[in-house]
Amino acid sequence: MDIPDDILAELRALGRKVQRFDEAGKTYIYVEGHQLPEGCDPPMADVLLCPQERDGYPSRLFFSQRVTSASGRQFVHEARIAERQWYAISWRVDRTDLRPAQLIAAHLRALR
């Protein structure tokens, strides 16, 4: 999956570092130090977006650590990606027409 420069520029506004990579036939977008919704602990975390189907979901957002939030959602999925442990909640974003920054925001709604 190719990600144009203008989309990467949008993502760079979300964190300190943005990197796109492929692993096991999937594309990932890494965002370092992303601000999480108000009330989350920790308030920032690295996030990893898989903007295509994975684990039966149209897209997945992984977090570098388990996050406590006002929603009380539990982290139910762990994955080893790019030699690092990642965590995900059970949350489905069915829209496939969103740009990656919008997709991350849609996934973060689960923590509100």
PDB file of N, CA and C in Angstrom:
ATOM      1  N   MET A   1       0.854  -1.175   0.000  1.00  0.00           N
ATOM      2  CA  MET A   1       0.000   0.000   0.000  1.00  0.00           C
ATOM      3  C   MET A   1       0.899   1.237   0.000  1.00  0.00           C
ATOM      4  N   ASP A   2       0.713   2.083  -0.967  1.00  0.00           N
ATOM      5  CA  ASP A   2       1.498   3.303  -1.075  1.00  0.00           C
ATOM      6  C   ASP A   2       0.784   4.421  -0.314  1.00  0.00           C
ATOM      7  N   ILE A   3       1.561   5.233   0.404  1.00  0.00           N
ATOM      8  CA  ILE A   3       0.988   6.350   1.149  1.00  0.00           C
ATOM      9  C   ILE A   3       1.627   7.628   0.625  1.00  0.00           C
ATOM     10  N   PRO A   4       0.835   8.484  -0.036  1.00  0.00           N
ATOM     11  CA  PRO A   4       1.374   9.715  -0.624  1.00  0.00           C
ATOM     12  C   PRO A   4       1.956  10.668   0.431  1.00  0.00           C
ATOM     13  N   ASP A   5       2.840  11.538  -0.022  1.00  0.00           N
ATOM     14  CA  ASP A   5       3.522  12.473   0.865  1.00  0.00           C
ATOM     15  C   ASP A   5       2.560  13.400   1.605  1.00  0.00           C
ATOM     16  N   ASP A   6       1.461  13.834   0.966  1.00  0.00           N
ATOM     17  CA  ASP A   6       0.537  14.744   1.646  1.00  0.00           C
ATOM     18  C   ASP A   6      -0.144  14.064   2.827  1.00  0.00           C
ATOM     19  N   ILE A   7      -0.394  12.771   2.704  1.00  0.00           N
ATOM     20  CA  ILE A   7      -0.997  12.019   3.812  1.00  0.00           C
ATOM     21  C   ILE A   7       0.022  11.849   4.936  1.00  0.00           C
ATOM     22  N   LEU A   8       1.263  11.563   4.583  1.00  0.00           N
ATOM     23  CA  LEU A   8       2.307  11.462   5.606  1.00  0.00           C
ATOM     24  C   LEU A   8       2.487  12.798   6.322  1.00  0.00           C
ATOM     25  N   ALA A   9       2.361  13.906   5.602  1.00  0.00           N
ATOM     26  CA  ALA A   9       2.479  15.227   6.223  1.00  0.00           C
ATOM     27  C   ALA A   9       1.372  15.440   7.259  1.00  0.00           C
ATOM     28  N   GLU A  10       0.145  15.016   6.955  1.00  0.00           N
ATOM     29  CA  GLU A  10      -0.956  15.100   7.929  1.00  0.00           C
ATOM     30  C   GLU A  10      -0.610  14.316   9.186  1.00  0.00           C
ATOM     31  N   LEU A  11      -0.049  13.152   8.989  1.00  0.00           N
ATOM     32  CA  LEU A  11       0.283  12.291  10.120  1.00  0.00           C
ATOM     33  C   LEU A  11       1.414  12.865  10.960  1.00  0.00           C
ATOM     34  N   ARG A  12       2.334  13.559  10.341  1.00  0.00           N
ATOM     35  CA  ARG A  12       3.456  14.148  11.087  1.00  0.00           C
ATOM     36  C   ARG A  12       2.974  15.190  12.088  1.00  0.00           C
ATOM     37  N   ALA A  13       1.806  15.754  11.868  1.00  0.00           N
ATOM     38  CA  ALA A  13       1.240  16.706  12.824  1.00  0.00           C
ATOM     39  C   ALA A  13       0.736  15.999  14.089  1.00  0.00           C
ATOM     40  N   LEU A  14       0.618  14.673  14.043  1.00  0.00           N
ATOM     41  CA  LEU A  14       0.078  13.908  15.166  1.00  0.00           C
ATOM     42  C   LEU A  14       1.127  13.448  16.170  1.00  0.00           C
ATOM     43  N   GLY A  15       2.372  13.382  15.765  1.00  0.00           N
ATOM     44  CA  GLY A  15       3.391  12.859  16.663  1.00  0.00           C
ATOM     45  C   GLY A  15       4.776  13.326  16.275  1.00  0.00           C
ATOM     46  N   ARG A  16       5.741  12.928  17.090  1.00  0.00           N
ATOM     47  CA  ARG A  16       7.121  13.373  16.886  1.00  0.00           C
ATOM     48  C   ARG A  16       7.778  12.727  15.679  1.00  0.00           C
ATOM     49  N   LYS A  17       7.370  11.505  15.369  1.00  0.00           N
ATOM     50  CA  LYS A  17       7.988  10.767  14.271  1.00  0.00           C
ATOM     51  C   LYS A  17       6.908   9.920  13.611  1.00  0.00           C
ATOM     52  N   VAL A  18       6.933   9.849  12.297  1.00  0.00           N
ATOM     53  CA  VAL A  18       6.001   9.012  11.542  1.00  0.00           C
ATOM     54  C   VAL A  18       6.816   8.145  10.604  1.00  0.00           C
ATOM     55  N   GLN A  19       6.459   6.868  10.563  1.00  0.00           N
ATOM     56  CA  GLN A  19       7.172   5.944   9.693  1.00  0.00           C
ATOM     57  C   GLN A  19       6.189   4.937   9.120  1.00  0.00           C
ATOM     58  N   ARG A  20       6.312   4.679   7.849  1.00  0.00           N
ATOM     59  CA  ARG A  20       5.511   3.655   7.176  1.00  0.00           C
ATOM     60  C   ARG A  20       6.396   2.459   6.910  1.00  0.00           C
ATOM     61  N   PHE A  21       5.843   1.248   7.147  1.00  0.00           N
ATOM     62  CA  PHE A  21       6.596   0.035   6.825  1.00  0.00           C
ATOM     63  C   PHE A  21       5.626  -1.101   6.530  1.00  0.00           C
ATOM     64  N   ASP A  22       6.148  -2.134   5.914  1.00  0.00           N
ATOM     65  CA  ASP A  22       5.374  -3.341   5.616  1.00  0.00           C
ATOM     66  C   ASP A  22       5.953  -4.508   6.394  1.00  0.00           C
ATOM     67  N   GLU A  23       5.048  -5.372   6.856  1.00  0.00           N
ATOM     68  CA  GLU A  23       5.471  -6.595   7.528  1.00  0.00           C
ATOM     69  C   GLU A  23       4.394  -7.650   7.313  1.00  0.00           C
ATOM     70  N   ALA A  24       4.820  -8.832   6.936  1.00  0.00           N
ATOM     71  CA  ALA A  24       3.913  -9.970   6.737  1.00  0.00           C
ATOM     72  C   ALA A  24       2.738  -9.616   5.817  1.00  0.00           C
ATOM     73  N   GLY A  25       3.005  -8.855   4.777  1.00  0.00           N
ATOM     74  CA  GLY A  25       1.978  -8.518   3.793  1.00  0.00           C
ATOM     75  C   GLY A  25       1.027  -7.409   4.206  1.00  0.00           C
ATOM     76  N   LYS A  26       1.284  -6.760   5.325  1.00  0.00           N
ATOM     77  CA  LYS A  26       0.437  -5.654   5.803  1.00  0.00           C
ATOM     78  C   LYS A  26       1.251  -4.370   5.844  1.00  0.00           C
ATOM     79  N   THR A  27       0.552  -3.257   5.657  1.00  0.00           N
ATOM     80  CA  THR A  27       1.166  -1.935   5.770  1.00  0.00           C
ATOM     81  C   THR A  27       0.860  -1.388   7.159  1.00  0.00           C
ATOM     82  N   TYR A  28       1.848  -0.738   7.756  1.00  0.00           N
ATOM     83  CA  TYR A  28       1.685  -0.126   9.068  1.00  0.00           C
ATOM     84  C   TYR A  28       2.182   1.311   9.017  1.00  0.00           C
ATOM     85  N   ILE A  29       1.551   2.146   9.831  1.00  0.00           N
ATOM     86  CA  ILE A  29       1.996   3.524   9.994  1.00  0.00           C
ATOM     87  C   ILE A  29       2.238   3.730  11.484  1.00  0.00           C
ATOM     88  N   TYR A  30       3.479   3.999  11.805  1.00  0.00           N
ATOM     89  CA  TYR A  30       3.899   4.214  13.185  1.00  0.00           C
ATOM     90  C   TYR A  30       3.904   5.708  13.475  1.00  0.00           C
ATOM     91  N   VAL A  31       3.286   6.099  14.598  1.00  0.00           N
ATOM     92  CA  VAL A  31       3.277   7.494  15.036  1.00  0.00           C
ATOM     93  C   VAL A  31       3.803   7.514  16.469  1.00  0.00           C
ATOM     94  N   GLU A  32       4.935   8.147  16.654  1.00  0.00           N
ATOM     95  CA  GLU A  32       5.570   8.211  17.973  1.00  0.00           C
ATOM     96  C   GLU A  32       4.999   9.376  18.777  1.00  0.00           C
ATOM     97  N   GLY A  33       4.648   9.099  20.018  1.00  0.00           N
ATOM     98  CA  GLY A  33       4.209  10.158  20.930  1.00  0.00           C
ATOM     99  C   GLY A  33       2.897  10.809  20.552  1.00  0.00           C
ATOM    100  N   HIS A  34       1.886  10.023  20.247  1.00  0.00           N
ATOM    101  CA  HIS A  34       0.576  10.553  19.868  1.00  0.00           C
ATOM    102  C   HIS A  34      -0.204  10.953  21.118  1.00  0.00           C
ATOM    103  N   GLN A  35      -0.820  12.127  21.079  1.00  0.00           N
ATOM    104  CA  GLN A  35      -1.656  12.609  22.176  1.00  0.00           C
ATOM    105  C   GLN A  35      -2.953  11.794  22.204  1.00  0.00           C
ATOM    106  N   LEU A  36      -3.276  11.222  23.349  1.00  0.00           N
ATOM    107  CA  LEU A  36      -4.487  10.425  23.491  1.00  0.00           C
ATOM    108  C   LEU A  36      -5.621  11.308  24.013  1.00  0.00           C
ATOM    109  N   PRO A  37      -6.878  10.842  23.913  1.00  0.00           N
ATOM    110  CA  PRO A  37      -8.005  11.652  24.383  1.00  0.00           C
ATOM    111  C   PRO A  37      -7.877  12.005  25.872  1.00  0.00           C
ATOM    112  N   GLU A  38      -8.504  13.096  26.238  1.00  0.00           N
ATOM    113  CA  GLU A  38      -8.482  13.560  27.631  1.00  0.00           C
ATOM    114  C   GLU A  38      -8.965  12.452  28.560  1.00  0.00           C
ATOM    115  N   GLY A  39      -8.290  12.323  29.685  1.00  0.00           N
ATOM    116  CA  GLY A  39      -8.660  11.308  30.681  1.00  0.00           C
ATOM    117  C   GLY A  39      -7.918  10.005  30.532  1.00  0.00           C
ATOM    118  N   CYS A  40      -7.094   9.874  29.493  1.00  0.00           N
ATOM    119  CA  CYS A  40      -6.334   8.639  29.304  1.00  0.00           C
ATOM    120  C   CYS A  40      -5.069   8.666  30.148  1.00  0.00           C
ATOM    121  N   ASP A  41      -4.695   7.493  30.604  1.00  0.00           N
ATOM    122  CA  ASP A  41      -3.443   7.327  31.325  1.00  0.00           C
ATOM    123  C   ASP A  41      -2.698   6.163  30.699  1.00  0.00           C
ATOM    124  N   PRO A  42      -1.559   6.419  30.089  1.00  0.00           N
ATOM    125  CA  PRO A  42      -0.835   7.677  29.994  1.00  0.00           C
ATOM    126  C   PRO A  42      -1.508   8.616  28.994  1.00  0.00           C
ATOM    127  N   PRO A  43      -1.158   9.907  29.049  1.00  0.00           N
ATOM    128  CA  PRO A  43      -1.773  10.866  28.128  1.00  0.00           C
ATOM    129  C   PRO A  43      -1.228  10.787  26.700  1.00  0.00           C
ATOM    130  N   MET A  44      -0.063  10.155  26.534  1.00  0.00           N
ATOM    131  CA  MET A  44       0.540   9.985  25.207  1.00  0.00           C
ATOM    132  C   MET A  44       1.045   8.554  25.084  1.00  0.00           C
ATOM    133  N   ALA A  45       1.042   8.060  23.851  1.00  0.00           N
ATOM    134  CA  ALA A  45       1.581   6.726  23.576  1.00  0.00           C
ATOM    135  C   ALA A  45       1.962   6.656  22.109  1.00  0.00           C
ATOM    136  N   ASP A  46       2.843   5.748  21.799  1.00  0.00           N
ATOM    137  CA  ASP A  46       3.107   5.454  20.395  1.00  0.00           C
ATOM    138  C   ASP A  46       1.927   4.641  19.884  1.00  0.00           C
ATOM    139  N   VAL A  47       1.511   4.903  18.648  1.00  0.00           N
ATOM    140  CA  VAL A  47       0.426   4.129  18.048  1.00  0.00           C
ATOM    141  C   VAL A  47       0.893   3.564  16.712  1.00  0.00           C
ATOM    142  N   LEU A  48       0.261   2.479  16.334  1.00  0.00           N
ATOM    143  CA  LEU A  48       0.596   1.793  15.096  1.00  0.00           C
ATOM    144  C   LEU A  48      -0.707   1.478  14.376  1.00  0.00           C
ATOM    145  N   LEU A  49      -0.915   2.120  13.239  1.00  0.00           N
ATOM    146  CA  LEU A  49      -2.132   1.921  12.452  1.00  0.00           C
ATOM    147  C   LEU A  49      -1.874   0.911  11.354  1.00  0.00           C
ATOM    148  N   CYS A  50      -2.760  -0.070  11.265  1.00  0.00           N
ATOM    149  CA  CYS A  50      -2.795  -0.963  10.115  1.00  0.00           C
ATOM    150  C   CYS A  50      -4.057  -0.552   9.349  1.00  0.00           C
ATOM    151  N   PRO A  51      -3.920   0.211   8.260  1.00  0.00           N
ATOM    152  CA  PRO A  51      -5.086   0.769   7.575  1.00  0.00           C
ATOM    153  C   PRO A  51      -5.798  -0.214   6.645  1.00  0.00           C
ATOM    154  N   GLN A  52      -5.521  -1.478   6.788  1.00  0.00           N
ATOM    155  CA  GLN A  52      -6.175  -2.497   5.976  1.00  0.00           C
ATOM    156  C   GLN A  52      -6.633  -3.637   6.884  1.00  0.00           C
ATOM    157  N   GLU A  53      -7.349  -4.579   6.321  1.00  0.00           N
ATOM    158  CA  GLU A  53      -7.919  -5.668   7.104  1.00  0.00           C
ATOM    159  C   GLU A  53      -6.835  -6.408   7.878  1.00  0.00           C
ATOM    160  N   ARG A  54      -7.149  -6.628   9.158  1.00  0.00           N
ATOM    161  CA  ARG A  54      -6.272  -7.420  10.009  1.00  0.00           C
ATOM    162  C   ARG A  54      -7.105  -7.974  11.167  1.00  0.00           C
ATOM    163  N   ASP A  55      -6.932  -9.241  11.466  1.00  0.00           N
ATOM    164  CA  ASP A  55      -7.592  -9.893  12.600  1.00  0.00           C
ATOM    165  C   ASP A  55      -9.121  -9.815  12.520  1.00  0.00           C
ATOM    166  N   GLY A  56      -9.663  -9.779  11.315  1.00  0.00           N
ATOM    167  CA  GLY A  56     -11.112  -9.721  11.150  1.00  0.00           C
ATOM    168  C   GLY A  56     -11.695  -8.316  11.262  1.00  0.00           C
ATOM    169  N   TYR A  57     -10.867  -7.306  11.375  1.00  0.00           N
ATOM    170  CA  TYR A  57     -11.293  -5.911  11.443  1.00  0.00           C
ATOM    171  C   TYR A  57     -10.875  -5.209  10.151  1.00  0.00           C
ATOM    172  N   PRO A  58     -11.664  -4.228   9.685  1.00  0.00           N
ATOM    173  CA  PRO A  58     -11.287  -3.505   8.464  1.00  0.00           C
ATOM    174  C   PRO A  58      -9.968  -2.746   8.617  1.00  0.00           C
ATOM    175  N   SER A  59      -9.638  -2.333   9.840  1.00  0.00           N
ATOM    176  CA  SER A  59      -8.374  -1.676  10.169  1.00  0.00           C
ATOM    177  C   SER A  59      -8.142  -1.903  11.659  1.00  0.00           C
ATOM    178  N   ARG A  60      -6.888  -1.710  12.093  1.00  0.00           N
ATOM    179  CA  ARG A  60      -6.582  -1.864  13.529  1.00  0.00           C
ATOM    180  C   ARG A  60      -5.669  -0.742  13.966  1.00  0.00           C
ATOM    181  N   LEU A  61      -5.864  -0.300  15.205  1.00  0.00           N
ATOM    182  CA  LEU A  61      -4.955   0.646  15.825  1.00  0.00           C
ATOM    183  C   LEU A  61      -4.359  -0.030  17.050  1.00  0.00           C
ATOM    184  N   PHE A  62      -3.053  -0.111  17.067  1.00  0.00           N
ATOM    185  CA  PHE A  62      -2.325  -0.717  18.175  1.00  0.00           C
ATOM    186  C   PHE A  62      -1.669   0.383  19.000  1.00  0.00           C
ATOM    187  N   PHE A  63      -1.517   0.113  20.288  1.00  0.00           N
ATOM    188  CA  PHE A  63      -0.903   1.037  21.220  1.00  0.00           C
ATOM    189  C   PHE A  63       0.350   0.407  21.799  1.00  0.00           C
ATOM    190  N   SER A  64       1.338   1.244  22.117  1.00  0.00           N
ATOM    191  CA  SER A  64       2.597   0.747  22.659  1.00  0.00           C
ATOM    192  C   SER A  64       2.445   0.216  24.082  1.00  0.00           C
ATOM    193  N   GLN A  65       1.342   0.558  24.734  1.00  0.00           N
ATOM    194  CA  GLN A  65       1.065   0.072  26.086  1.00  0.00           C
ATOM    195  C   GLN A  65      -0.436   0.072  26.307  1.00  0.00           C
ATOM    196  N   ARG A  66      -0.848  -0.635  27.340  1.00  0.00           N
ATOM    197  CA  ARG A  66      -2.262  -0.609  27.689  1.00  0.00           C
ATOM    198  C   ARG A  66      -2.588   0.780  28.246  1.00  0.00           C
ATOM    199  N   VAL A  67      -3.736   1.298  27.854  1.00  0.00           N
ATOM    200  CA  VAL A  67      -4.152   2.643  28.237  1.00  0.00           C
ATOM    201  C   VAL A  67      -5.412   2.524  29.092  1.00  0.00           C
ATOM    202  N   THR A  68      -5.439   3.257  30.187  1.00  0.00           N
ATOM    203  CA  THR A  68      -6.642   3.362  31.003  1.00  0.00           C
ATOM    204  C   THR A  68      -7.399   4.586  30.517  1.00  0.00           C
ATOM    205  N   SER A  69      -8.707   4.423  30.294  1.00  0.00           N
ATOM    206  CA  SER A  69      -9.479   5.550  29.771  1.00  0.00           C
ATOM    207  C   SER A  69     -10.835   5.629  30.447  1.00  0.00           C
ATOM    208  N   ALA A  70     -11.520   6.741  30.232  1.00  0.00           N
ATOM    209  CA  ALA A  70     -12.854   6.948  30.792  1.00  0.00           C
ATOM    210  C   ALA A  70     -13.845   5.907  30.283  1.00  0.00           C
ATOM    211  N   SER A  71     -13.607   5.394  29.079  1.00  0.00           N
ATOM    212  CA  SER A  71     -14.544   4.427  28.500  1.00  0.00           C
ATOM    213  C   SER A  71     -14.466   3.075  29.204  1.00  0.00           C
ATOM    214  N   GLY A  72     -13.351   2.814  29.855  1.00  0.00           N
ATOM    215  CA  GLY A  72     -13.187   1.534  30.555  1.00  0.00           C
ATOM    216  C   GLY A  72     -12.946   0.351  29.636  1.00  0.00           C
ATOM    217  N   ARG A  73     -12.703   0.601  28.364  1.00  0.00           N
ATOM    218  CA  ARG A  73     -12.464  -0.491  27.418  1.00  0.00           C
ATOM    219  C   ARG A  73     -11.214  -1.261  27.808  1.00  0.00           C
ATOM    220  N   GLN A  74     -11.277  -2.555  27.605  1.00  0.00           N
ATOM    221  CA  GLN A  74     -10.169  -3.438  27.935  1.00  0.00           C
ATOM    222  C   GLN A  74      -9.347  -3.756  26.695  1.00  0.00           C
ATOM    223  N   PHE A  75      -8.052  -3.865  26.889  1.00  0.00           N
ATOM    224  CA  PHE A  75      -7.172  -4.263  25.798  1.00  0.00           C
ATOM    225  C   PHE A  75      -7.211  -5.788  25.717  1.00  0.00           C
ATOM    226  N   VAL A  76      -7.710  -6.288  24.594  1.00  0.00           N
ATOM    227  CA  VAL A  76      -7.979  -7.714  24.467  1.00  0.00           C
ATOM    228  C   VAL A  76      -7.091  -8.419  23.452  1.00  0.00           C
ATOM    229  N   HIS A  77      -6.272  -7.669  22.756  1.00  0.00           N
ATOM    230  CA  HIS A  77      -5.452  -8.274  21.704  1.00  0.00           C
ATOM    231  C   HIS A  77      -4.017  -7.798  21.848  1.00  0.00           C
ATOM    232  N   GLU A  78      -3.094  -8.733  21.757  1.00  0.00           N
ATOM    233  CA  GLU A  78      -1.671  -8.408  21.760  1.00  0.00           C
ATOM    234  C   GLU A  78      -1.074  -8.930  20.470  1.00  0.00           C
ATOM    235  N   ALA A  79      -0.101  -8.199  19.951  1.00  0.00           N
ATOM    236  CA  ALA A  79       0.558  -8.619  18.710  1.00  0.00           C
ATOM    237  C   ALA A  79       2.028  -8.219  18.767  1.00  0.00           C
ATOM    238  N   ARG A  80       2.838  -9.027  18.156  1.00  0.00           N
ATOM    239  CA  ARG A  80       4.262  -8.716  18.022  1.00  0.00           C
ATOM    240  C   ARG A  80       4.472  -8.216  16.596  1.00  0.00           C
ATOM    241  N   ILE A  81       4.763  -6.938  16.463  1.00  0.00           N
ATOM    242  CA  ILE A  81       4.934  -6.310  15.147  1.00  0.00           C
ATOM    243  C   ILE A  81       6.228  -5.507  15.191  1.00  0.00           C
ATOM    244  N   ALA A  82       7.058  -5.679  14.196  1.00  0.00           N
ATOM    245  CA  ALA A  82       8.333  -4.961  14.105  1.00  0.00           C
ATOM    246  C   ALA A  82       9.160  -5.151  15.377  1.00  0.00           C
ATOM    247  N   GLU A  83       9.178  -6.386  15.845  1.00  0.00           N
ATOM    248  CA  GLU A  83       9.968  -6.766  17.016  1.00  0.00           C
ATOM    249  C   GLU A  83       9.598  -5.983  18.273  1.00  0.00           C
ATOM    250  N   ARG A  84       8.316  -5.632  18.388  1.00  0.00           N
ATOM    251  CA  ARG A  84       7.831  -4.872  19.535  1.00  0.00           C
ATOM    252  C   ARG A  84       6.444  -5.365  19.896  1.00  0.00           C
ATOM    253  N   GLN A  85       6.119  -5.351  21.181  1.00  0.00           N
ATOM    254  CA  GLN A  85       4.805  -5.773  21.648  1.00  0.00           C
ATOM    255  C   GLN A  85       3.822  -4.614  21.519  1.00  0.00           C
ATOM    256  N   TRP A  86       2.632  -4.896  20.954  1.00  0.00           N
ATOM    257  CA  TRP A  86       1.585  -3.898  20.758  1.00  0.00           C
ATOM    258  C   TRP A  86       0.272  -4.418  21.320  1.00  0.00           C
ATOM    259  N   TYR A  87      -0.636  -3.501  21.682  1.00  0.00           N
ATOM    260  CA  TYR A  87      -1.908  -3.840  22.311  1.00  0.00           C
ATOM    261  C   TYR A  87      -3.046  -3.161  21.561  1.00  0.00           C
ATOM    262  N   ALA A  88      -4.187  -3.861  21.472  1.00  0.00           N
ATOM    263  CA  ALA A  88      -5.348  -3.301  20.772  1.00  0.00           C
ATOM    264  C   ALA A  88      -6.616  -3.622  21.551  1.00  0.00           C
ATOM    265  N   ILE A  89      -7.596  -2.758  21.360  1.00  0.00           N
ATOM    266  CA  ILE A  89      -8.915  -2.986  21.939  1.00  0.00           C
ATOM    267  C   ILE A  89      -9.833  -3.528  20.841  1.00  0.00           C
ATOM    268  N   SER A  90     -10.946  -4.082  21.253  1.00  0.00           N
ATOM    269  CA  SER A  90     -11.925  -4.554  20.290  1.00  0.00           C
ATOM    270  C   SER A  90     -12.783  -3.358  19.878  1.00  0.00           C
ATOM    271  N   TRP A  91     -12.473  -2.794  18.718  1.00  0.00           N
ATOM    272  CA  TRP A  91     -13.169  -1.598  18.231  1.00  0.00           C
ATOM    273  C   TRP A  91     -13.150  -1.632  16.713  1.00  0.00           C
ATOM    274  N   ARG A  92     -14.290  -1.515  16.122  1.00  0.00           N
ATOM    275  CA  ARG A  92     -14.421  -1.617  14.669  1.00  0.00           C
ATOM    276  C   ARG A  92     -14.750  -0.260  14.058  1.00  0.00           C
ATOM    277  N   VAL A  93     -13.949   0.132  13.102  1.00  0.00           N
ATOM    278  CA  VAL A  93     -14.231   1.308  12.275  1.00  0.00           C
ATOM    279  C   VAL A  93     -14.513   0.758  10.885  1.00  0.00           C
ATOM    280  N   ASP A  94     -15.771   0.796  10.486  1.00  0.00           N
ATOM    281  CA  ASP A  94     -16.163   0.177   9.216  1.00  0.00           C
ATOM    282  C   ASP A  94     -15.945   1.057   7.994  1.00  0.00           C
ATOM    283  N   ARG A  95     -15.625   2.318   8.184  1.00  0.00           N
ATOM    284  CA  ARG A  95     -15.411   3.206   7.040  1.00  0.00           C
ATOM    285  C   ARG A  95     -14.073   2.899   6.386  1.00  0.00           C
ATOM    286  N   THR A  96     -14.081   2.793   5.096  1.00  0.00           N
ATOM    287  CA  THR A  96     -12.849   2.523   4.355  1.00  0.00           C
ATOM    288  C   THR A  96     -12.428   3.724   3.512  1.00  0.00           C
ATOM    289  N   ASP A  97     -13.185   4.824   3.613  1.00  0.00           N
ATOM    290  CA  ASP A  97     -12.893   6.015   2.807  1.00  0.00           C
ATOM    291  C   ASP A  97     -12.119   7.081   3.581  1.00  0.00           C
ATOM    292  N   LEU A  98     -11.667   6.770   4.784  1.00  0.00           N
ATOM    293  CA  LEU A  98     -10.978   7.750   5.619  1.00  0.00           C
ATOM    294  C   LEU A  98      -9.482   7.794   5.323  1.00  0.00           C
ATOM    295  N   ARG A  99      -8.918   8.995   5.425  1.00  0.00           N
ATOM    296  CA  ARG A  99      -7.470   9.136   5.336  1.00  0.00           C
ATOM    297  C   ARG A  99      -6.876   8.606   6.646  1.00  0.00           C
ATOM    298  N   PRO A 100      -5.613   8.208   6.657  1.00  0.00           N
ATOM    299  CA  PRO A 100      -5.038   7.611   7.867  1.00  0.00           C
ATOM    300  C   PRO A 100      -5.192   8.455   9.133  1.00  0.00           C
ATOM    301  N   ALA A 101      -5.016   9.777   9.065  1.00  0.00           N
ATOM    302  CA  ALA A 101      -5.175  10.613  10.258  1.00  0.00           C
ATOM    303  C   ALA A 101      -6.623  10.557  10.763  1.00  0.00           C
ATOM    304  N   GLN A 102      -7.579  10.525   9.839  1.00  0.00           N
ATOM    305  CA  GLN A 102      -8.980  10.413  10.218  1.00  0.00           C
ATOM    306  C   GLN A 102      -9.277   9.033  10.793  1.00  0.00           C
ATOM    307  N   LEU A 103      -8.640   8.030  10.255  1.00  0.00           N
ATOM    308  CA  LEU A 103      -8.820   6.669  10.722  1.00  0.00           C
ATOM    309  C   LEU A 103      -8.299   6.518  12.152  1.00  0.00           C
ATOM    310  N   ILE A 104      -7.142   7.109  12.437  1.00  0.00           N
ATOM    311  CA  ILE A 104      -6.620   7.084  13.812  1.00  0.00           C
ATOM    312  C   ILE A 104      -7.599   7.765  14.752  1.00  0.00           C
ATOM    313  N   ALA A 105      -8.112   8.919  14.370  1.00  0.00           N
ATOM    314  CA  ALA A 105      -9.086   9.636  15.204  1.00  0.00           C
ATOM    315  C   ALA A 105     -10.335   8.805  15.445  1.00  0.00           C
ATOM    316  N   ALA A 106     -10.805   8.101  14.424  1.00  0.00           N
ATOM    317  CA  ALA A 106     -11.996   7.249  14.579  1.00  0.00           C
ATOM    318  C   ALA A 106     -11.724   6.109  15.559  1.00  0.00           C
ATOM    319  N   HIS A 107     -10.541   5.543  15.507  1.00  0.00           N
ATOM    320  CA  HIS A 107     -10.182   4.479  16.453  1.00  0.00           C
ATOM    321  C   HIS A 107     -10.058   5.030  17.883  1.00  0.00           C
ATOM    322  N   LEU A 108      -9.545   6.232  18.009  1.00  0.00           N
ATOM    323  CA  LEU A 108      -9.366   6.818  19.345  1.00  0.00           C
ATOM    324  C   LEU A 108     -10.686   7.150  20.031  1.00  0.00           C
ATOM    325  N   ARG A 109     -11.783   7.241  19.259  1.00  0.00           N
ATOM    326  CA  ARG A 109     -13.096   7.487  19.871  1.00  0.00           C
ATOM    327  C   ARG A 109     -13.449   6.394  20.886  1.00  0.00           C
ATOM    328  N   ALA A 110     -12.871   5.233  20.728  1.00  0.00           N
ATOM    329  CA  ALA A 110     -13.144   4.128  21.654  1.00  0.00           C
ATOM    330  C   ALA A 110     -12.650   4.443  23.056  1.00  0.00           C
ATOM    331  N   LEU A 111     -11.723   5.363  23.192  1.00  0.00           N
ATOM    332  CA  LEU A 111     -11.171   5.697  24.506  1.00  0.00           C
ATOM    333  C   LEU A 111     -11.874   6.858  25.188  1.00  0.00           C
ATOM    334  N   ARG A 112     -12.908   7.386  24.558  1.00  0.00           N
ATOM    335  CA  ARG A 112     -13.622   8.535  25.161  1.00  0.00           C
ATOM    336  C   ARG A 112     -14.764   8.082  26.028  1.00  0.00           C
TER     337      ARG A 112
END
